Amino acid sequence: LLLTMMCLFGMFSVNAQETVTIGTRTAPDARIPFHTWWKYSYSQQIYTKAEINHGAANILKIAFLTDGGTSYTRNIKVYMQNVTKGSFSSNEDWIAVTETDLVFEGSVTTSSLMEITLDKPFEYTGKNILLCVQDYTEQGPGATNFDIYEDNAKRSIFINDDDNLPGGDNLTGFGQQFCEAKKNVLQIT
């Protein structure tokens, strides 16, 4: 009976949550993951499996670090994918995302640690991760500086606009469109 009970309790054991921080702040940047100065913004960032340095797991939460200045409430969507692509070649080299990749939709407030609990866990398979953030707040201005770090390849691509909501199939022809060798410092749980 004791052995049966131990086996039964073992089936319902809880795995400890682990938080992994990717990157070390080298500078602030107000443009990624979203730009609070503009009404709309859209970004994609690739985090490599070498940076993540973790086996397959469910990601329950992500967090961005900021300078802790003025807080702004933003309406965002977060999409995530396991990808083999390692970098972007230009400011029009987007990865297509679909609603099935949507892991969070709602309001967030920028603060020194902006945690986002995902609406549905993201099943990380051990590849590179595409992290895509769409800000559809429809108001500005105001700037939040997020912690970023320099990278050795162009792993971020982003758009800022006041007139049109970038995302989906609407990803080219914007004046404020960038492809750079930097990314946000990111925490994943």
Protein backbone atom coordinates (compact mmCIF):
# COMPACT_ATOMS: atom_id res chain seq x y z
CA LEU A 1 0.00 0.00 0.00
CA LEU A 2 2.83 2.39 0.84
CA LEU A 3 4.54 1.71 -2.50
CA THR A 4 1.25 2.30 -4.36
CA MET A 5 0.71 5.62 -2.58
CA MET A 6 4.28 6.75 -3.33
CA CYS A 7 3.82 5.93 -7.02
CA LEU A 8 0.49 7.77 -7.07
CA PHE A 9 1.97 10.90 -5.46
CA GLY A 10 4.94 10.70 -7.85
CA MET A 11 2.54 10.96 -10.81
CA PHE A 12 1.26 14.29 -9.53
CA SER A 13 4.58 15.88 -8.60
CA VAL A 14 5.06 19.52 -9.57
CA ASN A 15 8.06 20.57 -11.61
CA ALA A 16 9.83 23.64 -10.26
CA GLN A 17 9.64 26.75 -12.39
CA GLU A 18 12.95 28.04 -13.64
CA THR A 19 13.64 31.56 -14.92
CA VAL A 20 16.29 32.04 -17.61
CA THR A 21 17.64 35.51 -18.40
CA ILE A 22 18.87 35.99 -21.95
CA GLY A 23 21.35 38.81 -22.50
CA THR A 24 23.01 41.44 -20.36
CA ARG A 25 22.09 45.09 -20.77
CA THR A 26 24.49 47.06 -22.94
CA ALA A 27 22.20 50.05 -23.67
CA PRO A 28 18.60 51.27 -23.53
CA ASP A 29 16.33 51.40 -26.60
CA ALA A 30 12.78 52.73 -26.85
CA ARG A 31 11.90 50.89 -30.09
CA ILE A 32 11.72 47.20 -29.17
CA PRO A 33 9.70 45.16 -28.19
CA PHE A 34 7.29 48.06 -28.85
CA HIS A 35 7.63 51.82 -29.14
CA THR A 36 5.40 53.79 -26.75
CA TRP A 37 5.96 57.03 -28.69
CA TRP A 38 3.99 55.74 -31.69
CA LYS A 39 0.35 54.63 -31.94
CA TYR A 40 1.33 51.29 -33.47
CA SER A 41 4.43 49.14 -33.55
CA TYR A 42 5.42 45.63 -34.49
CA SER A 43 8.63 43.73 -33.79
CA GLN A 44 10.17 40.31 -34.33
CA GLN A 45 13.24 39.07 -32.48
CA ILE A 46 15.09 35.77 -32.80
CA TYR A 47 16.59 34.24 -29.66
CA THR A 48 18.97 31.40 -30.50
CA LYS A 49 18.98 28.00 -28.83
CA ALA A 50 22.59 28.69 -27.73
CA GLU A 51 21.43 31.82 -25.88
CA ILE A 52 18.45 30.05 -24.34
CA ASN A 53 20.68 27.14 -23.30
CA HIS A 54 17.77 25.04 -22.07
CA GLY A 55 16.06 21.86 -23.20
CA ALA A 56 12.46 21.56 -24.30
CA ALA A 57 9.98 23.05 -21.82
CA ASN A 58 6.73 24.97 -21.54
CA ILE A 59 7.26 28.72 -21.29
CA LEU A 60 4.65 30.24 -18.98
CA LYS A 61 5.90 33.81 -18.63
CA ILE A 62 8.18 36.30 -20.33
CA ALA A 63 9.54 39.56 -18.94
CA PHE A 64 11.25 42.65 -20.33
CA LEU A 65 13.42 44.98 -18.25
CA THR A 66 13.09 48.76 -18.56
CA ASP A 67 14.73 51.85 -17.14
CA GLY A 68 11.88 52.08 -14.60
CA GLY A 69 10.89 55.57 -15.76
CA THR A 70 7.35 56.69 -16.57
CA SER A 71 4.83 53.83 -16.79
CA TYR A 72 2.57 53.48 -19.82
CA THR A 73 -0.28 51.03 -20.36
CA ARG A 74 -0.18 49.39 -23.79
CA ASN A 75 -2.44 46.92 -25.62
CA ILE A 76 -0.34 44.20 -27.18
CA LYS A 77 -0.36 40.79 -28.80
CA VAL A 78 2.56 38.39 -28.34
CA TYR A 79 3.30 35.61 -30.80
CA MET A 80 5.94 32.89 -30.38
CA GLN A 81 7.30 30.20 -32.71
CA ASN A 82 10.04 27.60 -32.70
CA VAL A 83 12.15 28.46 -35.78
CA THR A 84 15.30 27.33 -37.52
CA LYS A 85 15.97 30.79 -38.98
CA GLY A 86 18.89 32.43 -37.17
CA SER A 87 18.83 36.06 -38.36
CA PHE A 88 17.14 38.59 -40.63
CA SER A 89 18.70 39.73 -43.92
CA SER A 90 16.85 43.05 -44.28
CA ASN A 91 14.07 45.18 -42.82
CA GLU A 92 11.57 43.30 -45.00
CA ASP A 93 12.67 39.74 -44.10
CA TRP A 94 9.69 38.98 -41.85
CA ILE A 95 8.64 35.56 -40.56
CA ALA A 96 4.92 34.93 -41.10
CA VAL A 97 2.93 34.48 -37.90
CA THR A 98 -0.65 33.25 -37.53
CA GLU A 99 -3.29 33.42 -34.82
CA THR A 100 -2.28 29.88 -33.79
CA ASP A 101 1.05 31.37 -32.65
CA LEU A 102 -0.71 33.92 -30.42
CA VAL A 103 0.30 33.34 -26.77
CA PHE A 104 -0.88 36.61 -25.18
CA GLU A 105 -3.34 39.39 -25.91
CA GLY A 106 -4.12 42.16 -23.44
CA SER A 107 -2.87 45.21 -21.59
CA VAL A 108 0.55 45.55 -20.01
CA THR A 109 2.11 48.35 -18.01
CA THR A 110 5.71 49.27 -18.56
CA SER A 111 7.66 49.16 -15.31
CA SER A 112 11.19 48.15 -14.30
CA LEU A 113 10.23 44.49 -14.80
CA MET A 114 7.34 44.10 -17.23
CA GLU A 115 6.14 40.50 -16.71
CA ILE A 116 3.68 38.94 -19.13
CA THR A 117 1.95 35.73 -18.06
CA LEU A 118 1.09 33.95 -21.29
CA ASP A 119 -2.57 33.13 -22.01
CA LYS A 120 -1.42 29.70 -23.15
CA PRO A 121 1.94 28.08 -22.44
CA PHE A 122 4.41 28.13 -25.32
CA GLU A 123 5.86 24.69 -26.04
CA TYR A 124 9.57 25.33 -26.55
CA THR A 125 11.15 22.46 -28.50
CA GLY A 126 14.82 23.37 -28.13
CA LYS A 127 15.20 25.39 -31.38
CA ASN A 128 15.52 29.14 -31.84
CA ILE A 129 12.52 31.18 -30.68
CA LEU A 130 10.80 33.90 -32.67
CA LEU A 131 9.25 36.47 -30.33
CA CYS A 132 6.83 38.85 -32.03
CA VAL A 133 5.09 41.79 -30.30
CA GLN A 134 2.35 43.90 -31.88
CA ASP A 135 1.30 47.12 -30.10
CA TYR A 136 -2.15 48.30 -31.14
CA THR A 137 -2.70 50.90 -28.40
CA GLU A 138 -3.60 53.73 -30.82
CA GLN A 139 -2.02 56.40 -28.66
CA GLY A 140 1.33 57.99 -27.94
CA PRO A 141 3.50 59.88 -27.18
CA GLY A 142 5.77 58.78 -24.42
CA ALA A 143 8.96 56.76 -24.41
CA THR A 144 9.92 53.76 -22.31
CA ASN A 145 13.53 52.62 -22.59
CA PHE A 146 13.88 48.84 -22.61
CA ASP A 147 17.14 47.03 -21.79
CA ILE A 148 18.80 45.71 -24.93
CA TYR A 149 22.06 44.02 -25.77
CA GLU A 150 24.14 44.02 -28.92
CA ASP A 151 24.26 40.86 -31.00
CA ASN A 152 26.65 39.55 -33.65
CA ALA A 153 23.87 39.21 -36.27
CA LYS A 154 20.69 41.06 -37.24
CA ARG A 155 18.17 39.35 -34.98
CA SER A 156 15.56 42.10 -34.60
CA ILE A 157 13.26 43.71 -37.11
CA PHE A 158 10.65 46.33 -36.24
CA ILE A 159 8.18 48.96 -37.48
CA ASN A 160 6.69 52.07 -35.84
CA ASP A 161 3.75 53.99 -37.31
CA ASP A 162 0.99 56.43 -36.38
CA ASP A 163 -1.38 55.80 -39.31
CA ASN A 164 -1.43 52.05 -40.00
CA LEU A 165 -1.31 48.96 -37.83
CA PRO A 166 1.61 46.80 -38.98
CA GLY A 167 1.23 43.05 -38.72
CA GLY A 168 -0.19 40.08 -40.59
CA ASP A 169 0.28 40.81 -44.30
CA ASN A 170 0.87 44.54 -43.74
CA LEU A 171 4.64 44.55 -43.14
CA THR A 172 6.32 46.56 -45.90
CA GLY A 173 6.42 50.16 -47.06
CA PHE A 174 6.68 51.80 -43.63
CA GLY A 175 9.03 54.76 -43.16
CA GLN A 176 10.02 53.73 -39.64
CA GLN A 177 11.24 50.18 -40.37
CA PHE A 178 14.51 48.76 -39.02
CA CYS A 179 16.65 45.59 -39.00
CA GLU A 180 19.38 45.65 -36.35
CA ALA A 181 21.93 43.55 -34.49
CA LYS A 182 20.36 44.01 -31.06
CA LYS A 183 17.63 42.45 -28.94
CA ASN A 184 15.78 42.94 -25.70
CA VAL A 185 17.16 41.43 -22.54
CA LEU A 186 14.50 38.75 -21.96
CA GLN A 187 13.48 36.59 -19.03
CA ILE A 188 11.58 33.38 -19.72
CA THR A 189 9.96 31.21 -17.06
